[in-house]
Amino acid sequence: MLALLLLTSCCVFATYGEGLSEDIYITIPVAEGVAGYRLFNGTHQFGFHSSKADSRGVVVKLGRGEKAGLRDCWRSRFRNYLGKYHVLLSADMIDRSVVQEILNSDCIAGLIIVDPESA
């Protein structure tokens, strides 16, 4: 009986013993042109989930010297899309002029700011 109890508890721990972080932390590949909508949880993490029928945003990488997209809402690149954009930009690109362009834009749904070394 004791051997059966030990064997059962071993199996239970073996099932739940795999890394909890694998269930919590998921790498989200952010790529330019990905459609999605924002998901926020209690730890202020965000993510995107999409389906063609329910896309609510597009991620656009803002490079140096590409502020025109903030003004014209990237209409030349995404002609049939009339929704809002999530802008992916490096933290070292943020200055007064970029902030002003973002505030004046009607097509920005959110910002994704990344470390300059990973951009």
N, C-alpha and C. Protein backbone atom coordinates (compact mmCIF):
# COMPACT_ATOMS: atom_id res chain seq x y z
N MET A 1 0.83 -1.20 0.00
CA MET A 1 0.00 0.00 0.00
C MET A 1 0.87 1.26 0.00
N LEU A 2 1.91 1.27 0.83
CA LEU A 2 2.81 2.41 0.90
C LEU A 2 3.54 2.61 -0.43
N ALA A 3 3.92 1.51 -1.06
CA ALA A 3 4.61 1.59 -2.35
C ALA A 3 3.69 2.19 -3.41
N LEU A 4 2.42 1.81 -3.39
CA LEU A 4 1.44 2.36 -4.34
C LEU A 4 1.25 3.85 -4.11
N LEU A 5 1.19 4.27 -2.86
CA LEU A 5 1.04 5.68 -2.52
C LEU A 5 2.25 6.49 -3.00
N LEU A 6 3.45 5.96 -2.78
CA LEU A 6 4.67 6.64 -3.23
C LEU A 6 4.72 6.73 -4.75
N LEU A 7 4.33 5.67 -5.42
CA LEU A 7 4.32 5.66 -6.89
C LEU A 7 3.33 6.68 -7.43
N THR A 8 2.15 6.76 -6.82
CA THR A 8 1.12 7.72 -7.24
C THR A 8 1.60 9.15 -7.04
N SER A 9 2.19 9.44 -5.87
CA SER A 9 2.65 10.80 -5.62
C SER A 9 3.79 11.18 -6.56
N CYS A 10 4.62 10.22 -6.92
CA CYS A 10 5.70 10.48 -7.88
C CYS A 10 5.12 10.87 -9.23
N CYS A 11 4.09 10.19 -9.66
CA CYS A 11 3.46 10.49 -10.94
C CYS A 11 2.81 11.86 -10.92
N VAL A 12 2.16 12.20 -9.81
CA VAL A 12 1.51 13.51 -9.71
C VAL A 12 2.55 14.61 -9.78
N PHE A 13 3.66 14.47 -9.05
CA PHE A 13 4.70 15.49 -9.08
C PHE A 13 5.38 15.55 -10.44
N ALA A 14 5.50 14.43 -11.10
CA ALA A 14 6.12 14.41 -12.42
C ALA A 14 5.27 15.15 -13.44
N THR A 15 3.95 15.08 -13.28
CA THR A 15 3.08 15.77 -14.22
C THR A 15 3.12 17.28 -14.03
N TYR A 16 3.18 17.71 -12.79
CA TYR A 16 3.15 19.15 -12.51
C TYR A 16 4.55 19.73 -12.30
N GLY A 17 5.58 18.91 -12.34
CA GLY A 17 6.91 19.37 -12.03
C GLY A 17 7.61 20.10 -13.17
N GLU A 18 7.06 20.07 -14.38
CA GLU A 18 7.68 20.77 -15.51
C GLU A 18 7.55 22.27 -15.30
N GLY A 19 8.47 23.04 -15.85
CA GLY A 19 8.59 24.47 -15.59
C GLY A 19 7.31 25.27 -15.68
N LEU A 20 6.97 25.92 -14.59
CA LEU A 20 5.80 26.79 -14.56
C LEU A 20 6.01 27.99 -15.47
N SER A 21 7.26 28.43 -15.58
CA SER A 21 7.52 29.60 -16.43
C SER A 21 7.17 29.34 -17.89
N GLU A 22 7.22 28.08 -18.31
CA GLU A 22 6.84 27.77 -19.69
C GLU A 22 5.35 28.00 -19.92
N ASP A 23 4.56 27.92 -18.87
CA ASP A 23 3.12 28.16 -18.99
C ASP A 23 2.78 29.64 -18.86
N ILE A 24 3.66 30.42 -18.25
CA ILE A 24 3.37 31.82 -17.98
C ILE A 24 4.02 32.75 -19.00
N TYR A 25 5.30 32.56 -19.26
CA TYR A 25 6.04 33.46 -20.14
C TYR A 25 6.09 32.89 -21.55
N ILE A 26 5.52 33.61 -22.45
CA ILE A 26 5.47 33.18 -23.84
C ILE A 26 6.10 34.27 -24.69
N THR A 27 7.02 33.91 -25.53
CA THR A 27 7.62 34.88 -26.44
C THR A 27 6.65 35.16 -27.57
N ILE A 28 6.39 36.43 -27.76
CA ILE A 28 5.47 36.83 -28.82
C ILE A 28 6.30 37.43 -29.95
N PRO A 29 6.33 36.80 -31.10
CA PRO A 29 7.10 37.38 -32.20
C PRO A 29 6.37 38.60 -32.75
N VAL A 30 6.94 39.77 -32.54
CA VAL A 30 6.33 40.99 -33.05
C VAL A 30 6.98 41.28 -34.39
N ALA A 31 6.19 41.25 -35.42
CA ALA A 31 6.70 41.49 -36.76
C ALA A 31 5.88 42.58 -37.41
N GLU A 32 6.50 43.31 -38.27
CA GLU A 32 5.81 44.39 -38.95
C GLU A 32 4.67 43.84 -39.79
N GLY A 33 3.51 44.48 -39.70
CA GLY A 33 2.36 44.07 -40.48
C GLY A 33 1.49 43.02 -39.82
N VAL A 34 1.77 42.67 -38.57
CA VAL A 34 0.98 41.66 -37.87
C VAL A 34 -0.30 42.31 -37.35
N ALA A 35 -1.42 41.70 -37.62
CA ALA A 35 -2.69 42.23 -37.14
C ALA A 35 -2.99 41.65 -35.77
N GLY A 36 -3.67 42.42 -34.94
CA GLY A 36 -4.00 41.89 -33.63
C GLY A 36 -4.77 42.88 -32.79
N TYR A 37 -5.12 42.46 -31.59
CA TYR A 37 -5.72 43.38 -30.64
C TYR A 37 -4.99 43.23 -29.32
N ARG A 38 -5.08 44.25 -28.50
CA ARG A 38 -4.30 44.27 -27.27
C ARG A 38 -4.89 43.37 -26.21
N LEU A 39 -4.00 42.68 -25.51
CA LEU A 39 -4.38 41.88 -24.35
C LEU A 39 -3.53 42.37 -23.19
N PHE A 40 -4.14 42.71 -22.09
CA PHE A 40 -3.38 43.12 -20.92
C PHE A 40 -3.75 42.20 -19.77
N ASN A 41 -2.77 41.88 -18.94
CA ASN A 41 -3.08 41.09 -17.76
C ASN A 41 -2.61 41.83 -16.52
N GLY A 42 -2.71 41.20 -15.37
CA GLY A 42 -2.40 41.84 -14.10
C GLY A 42 -0.95 42.24 -13.93
N THR A 43 -0.06 41.75 -14.76
CA THR A 43 1.35 42.11 -14.64
C THR A 43 1.76 43.12 -15.70
N HIS A 44 0.80 43.74 -16.33
CA HIS A 44 1.03 44.78 -17.33
C HIS A 44 1.78 44.26 -18.55
N GLN A 45 1.65 42.99 -18.84
CA GLN A 45 2.23 42.46 -20.06
C GLN A 45 1.20 42.61 -21.16
N PHE A 46 1.64 42.65 -22.38
CA PHE A 46 0.70 42.76 -23.48
C PHE A 46 0.99 41.67 -24.49
N GLY A 47 0.02 41.46 -25.32
CA GLY A 47 0.20 40.47 -26.37
C GLY A 47 -0.76 40.79 -27.50
N PHE A 48 -0.65 40.06 -28.55
CA PHE A 48 -1.55 40.22 -29.68
C PHE A 48 -2.15 38.88 -30.02
N HIS A 49 -3.40 38.91 -30.38
CA HIS A 49 -4.09 37.73 -30.85
C HIS A 49 -4.87 38.19 -32.07
N SER A 50 -4.90 37.39 -33.07
CA SER A 50 -5.60 37.87 -34.25
C SER A 50 -6.31 36.76 -34.99
N SER A 51 -7.28 37.18 -35.72
CA SER A 51 -7.92 36.34 -36.72
C SER A 51 -8.29 37.31 -37.83
N LYS A 52 -8.37 36.84 -39.02
CA LYS A 52 -8.66 37.75 -40.13
C LYS A 52 -10.01 38.44 -39.97
N ALA A 53 -10.95 37.76 -39.33
CA ALA A 53 -12.28 38.34 -39.17
C ALA A 53 -12.31 39.40 -38.07
N ASP A 54 -11.33 39.39 -37.17
CA ASP A 54 -11.39 40.28 -36.02
C ASP A 54 -10.07 40.99 -35.77
N SER A 55 -9.43 41.49 -36.81
CA SER A 55 -8.17 42.19 -36.60
C SER A 55 -8.47 43.63 -36.19
N ARG A 56 -7.77 44.08 -35.16
CA ARG A 56 -8.04 45.41 -34.62
C ARG A 56 -6.80 46.28 -34.55
N GLY A 57 -5.81 45.97 -35.29
CA GLY A 57 -4.60 46.79 -35.25
C GLY A 57 -3.51 46.16 -36.07
N VAL A 58 -2.55 46.96 -36.44
CA VAL A 58 -1.40 46.48 -37.19
C VAL A 58 -0.16 47.02 -36.50
N VAL A 59 0.87 46.18 -36.36
CA VAL A 59 2.14 46.60 -35.79
C VAL A 59 3.02 47.13 -36.92
N VAL A 60 3.54 48.34 -36.74
CA VAL A 60 4.42 48.95 -37.73
C VAL A 60 5.70 49.38 -37.02
N LYS A 61 6.84 48.98 -37.56
CA LYS A 61 8.12 49.39 -36.99
C LYS A 61 8.47 50.78 -37.51
N LEU A 62 8.73 51.69 -36.59
CA LEU A 62 9.08 53.06 -36.96
C LEU A 62 10.60 53.18 -36.94
N GLY A 63 11.18 53.36 -38.12
CA GLY A 63 12.63 53.53 -38.23
C GLY A 63 13.00 55.00 -38.17
N ARG A 64 14.28 55.25 -38.08
CA ARG A 64 14.75 56.64 -38.07
C ARG A 64 14.39 57.32 -39.39
N GLY A 65 13.88 58.52 -39.30
CA GLY A 65 13.52 59.26 -40.51
C GLY A 65 12.22 58.80 -41.15
N GLU A 66 11.42 58.01 -40.46
CA GLU A 66 10.16 57.52 -41.04
C GLU A 66 8.94 58.13 -40.35
N LYS A 67 9.04 59.38 -39.94
CA LYS A 67 7.93 60.02 -39.23
C LYS A 67 6.74 60.32 -40.14
N ALA A 68 6.93 60.26 -41.44
CA ALA A 68 5.83 60.55 -42.37
C ALA A 68 4.69 59.56 -42.16
N GLY A 69 5.00 58.33 -41.81
CA GLY A 69 3.96 57.33 -41.55
C GLY A 69 3.04 57.73 -40.42
N LEU A 70 3.59 58.42 -39.43
CA LEU A 70 2.76 58.90 -38.32
C LEU A 70 1.75 59.94 -38.81
N ARG A 71 2.14 60.71 -39.82
CA ARG A 71 1.25 61.75 -40.34
C ARG A 71 0.20 61.20 -41.29
N ASP A 72 0.62 60.32 -42.22
CA ASP A 72 -0.33 59.84 -43.23
C ASP A 72 -0.90 58.46 -42.92
N CYS A 73 -0.64 57.97 -41.72
CA CYS A 73 -1.20 56.68 -41.25
C CYS A 73 -0.81 55.51 -42.15
N TRP A 74 0.35 55.58 -42.73
CA TRP A 74 0.90 54.48 -43.55
C TRP A 74 -0.07 54.05 -44.66
N ARG A 75 -0.85 55.00 -45.18
CA ARG A 75 -1.84 54.68 -46.22
C ARG A 75 -1.19 54.16 -47.50
N SER A 76 0.02 54.61 -47.81
CA SER A 76 0.67 54.12 -49.03
C SER A 76 1.07 52.65 -48.91
N ARG A 77 1.33 52.19 -47.71
CA ARG A 77 1.73 50.79 -47.49
C ARG A 77 0.54 49.88 -47.23
N PHE A 78 -0.48 50.39 -46.55
CA PHE A 78 -1.65 49.58 -46.18
C PHE A 78 -2.90 50.27 -46.73
N ARG A 79 -3.05 50.24 -48.03
CA ARG A 79 -4.12 51.00 -48.70
C ARG A 79 -5.53 50.62 -48.26
N ASN A 80 -5.78 49.35 -48.03
CA ASN A 80 -7.14 48.90 -47.70
C ASN A 80 -7.42 48.86 -46.21
N TYR A 81 -6.42 49.21 -45.39
CA TYR A 81 -6.60 49.15 -43.94
C TYR A 81 -6.92 50.53 -43.41
N LEU A 82 -8.04 50.67 -42.70
CA LEU A 82 -8.44 51.97 -42.18
C LEU A 82 -8.43 52.01 -40.66
N GLY A 83 -7.87 50.97 -40.04
CA GLY A 83 -7.83 50.91 -38.57
C GLY A 83 -6.64 51.64 -37.99
N LYS A 84 -6.39 51.36 -36.73
CA LYS A 84 -5.29 52.00 -36.01
C LYS A 84 -4.07 51.10 -35.99
N TYR A 85 -2.93 51.70 -35.65
CA TYR A 85 -1.64 51.02 -35.67
C TYR A 85 -1.02 51.01 -34.28
N HIS A 86 -0.25 49.97 -34.01
CA HIS A 86 0.62 49.91 -32.84
C HIS A 86 2.03 50.13 -33.38
N VAL A 87 2.70 51.13 -32.86
CA VAL A 87 4.01 51.52 -33.37
C VAL A 87 5.10 50.88 -32.52
N LEU A 88 5.99 50.15 -33.18
CA LEU A 88 7.15 49.54 -32.54
C LEU A 88 8.34 50.47 -32.78
N LEU A 89 8.92 51.01 -31.70
CA LEU A 89 10.05 51.89 -31.86
C LEU A 89 11.07 51.68 -30.75
N SER A 90 12.29 52.02 -31.07
CA SER A 90 13.39 51.90 -30.12
C SER A 90 13.33 53.06 -29.12
N ALA A 91 13.68 52.79 -27.87
CA ALA A 91 13.62 53.82 -26.83
C ALA A 91 14.52 55.01 -27.14
N ASP A 92 15.62 54.79 -27.83
CA ASP A 92 16.52 55.90 -28.14
C ASP A 92 16.01 56.80 -29.26
N MET A 93 14.91 56.45 -29.88
CA MET A 93 14.31 57.29 -30.92
C MET A 93 13.34 58.33 -30.34
N ILE A 94 13.01 58.19 -29.08
CA ILE A 94 12.00 59.08 -28.49
C ILE A 94 12.62 60.44 -28.19
N ASP A 95 12.07 61.46 -28.83
CA ASP A 95 12.45 62.84 -28.55
C ASP A 95 11.19 63.70 -28.71
N ARG A 96 11.34 65.00 -28.54
CA ARG A 96 10.16 65.88 -28.59
C ARG A 96 9.40 65.79 -29.91
N SER A 97 10.13 65.75 -31.00
CA SER A 97 9.46 65.75 -32.30
C SER A 97 8.67 64.45 -32.52
N VAL A 98 9.22 63.31 -32.11
CA VAL A 98 8.51 62.03 -32.26
C VAL A 98 7.28 62.00 -31.36
N VAL A 99 7.45 62.46 -30.12
CA VAL A 99 6.31 62.50 -29.19
C VAL A 99 5.21 63.39 -29.74
N GLN A 100 5.57 64.54 -30.29
CA GLN A 100 4.57 65.45 -30.85
C GLN A 100 3.85 64.82 -32.03
N GLU A 101 4.59 64.14 -32.91
CA GLU A 101 3.97 63.45 -34.05
C GLU A 101 3.00 62.37 -33.57
N ILE A 102 3.38 61.63 -32.55
CA ILE A 102 2.51 60.57 -32.01
C ILE A 102 1.24 61.18 -31.42
N LEU A 103 1.39 62.25 -30.65
CA LEU A 103 0.23 62.91 -30.04
C LEU A 103 -0.71 63.50 -31.09
N ASN A 104 -0.16 63.98 -32.20
CA ASN A 104 -0.98 64.58 -33.26
C ASN A 104 -1.60 63.56 -34.20
N SER A 105 -1.14 62.33 -34.15
CA SER A 105 -1.63 61.30 -35.07
C SER A 105 -2.99 60.76 -34.63
N ASP A 106 -3.86 60.54 -35.60
CA ASP A 106 -5.18 59.96 -35.31
C ASP A 106 -5.20 58.45 -35.51
N CYS A 107 -4.07 57.87 -35.89
CA CYS A 107 -4.09 56.45 -36.25
C CYS A 107 -3.25 55.57 -35.32
N ILE A 108 -2.82 56.08 -34.18
CA ILE A 108 -1.99 55.30 -33.26
C ILE A 108 -2.86 54.72 -32.15
N ALA A 109 -2.85 53.39 -32.05
CA ALA A 109 -3.60 52.71 -30.99
C ALA A 109 -2.72 52.45 -29.78
N GLY A 110 -1.42 52.35 -29.98
CA GLY A 110 -0.52 52.08 -28.87
C GLY A 110 0.92 52.07 -29.32
N LEU A 111 1.81 52.05 -28.33
CA LEU A 111 3.25 52.04 -28.59
C LEU A 111 3.86 50.79 -28.01
N ILE A 112 4.83 50.25 -28.72
CA ILE A 112 5.63 49.14 -28.23
C ILE A 112 7.06 49.66 -28.25
N ILE A 113 7.60 49.94 -27.07
CA ILE A 113 8.93 50.52 -26.98
C ILE A 113 9.91 49.42 -26.60
N VAL A 114 10.95 49.27 -27.40
CA VAL A 114 11.92 48.20 -27.18
C VAL A 114 13.29 48.79 -26.85
N ASP A 115 14.10 47.98 -26.20
CA ASP A 115 15.47 48.34 -25.88
C ASP A 115 16.24 48.58 -27.18
N PRO A 116 17.05 49.63 -27.26
CA PRO A 116 17.76 49.93 -28.51
C PRO A 116 18.63 48.77 -29.01
N GLU A 117 19.17 47.98 -28.11
CA GLU A 117 20.03 46.88 -28.53
C GLU A 117 19.26 45.73 -29.15
N SER A 118 17.96 45.63 -28.85
CA SER A 118 17.17 44.53 -29.41
C SER A 118 16.35 44.95 -30.62
N ALA A 119 16.38 46.23 -30.96
CA ALA A 119 15.55 46.72 -32.07
C ALA A 119 16.13 46.40 -33.41
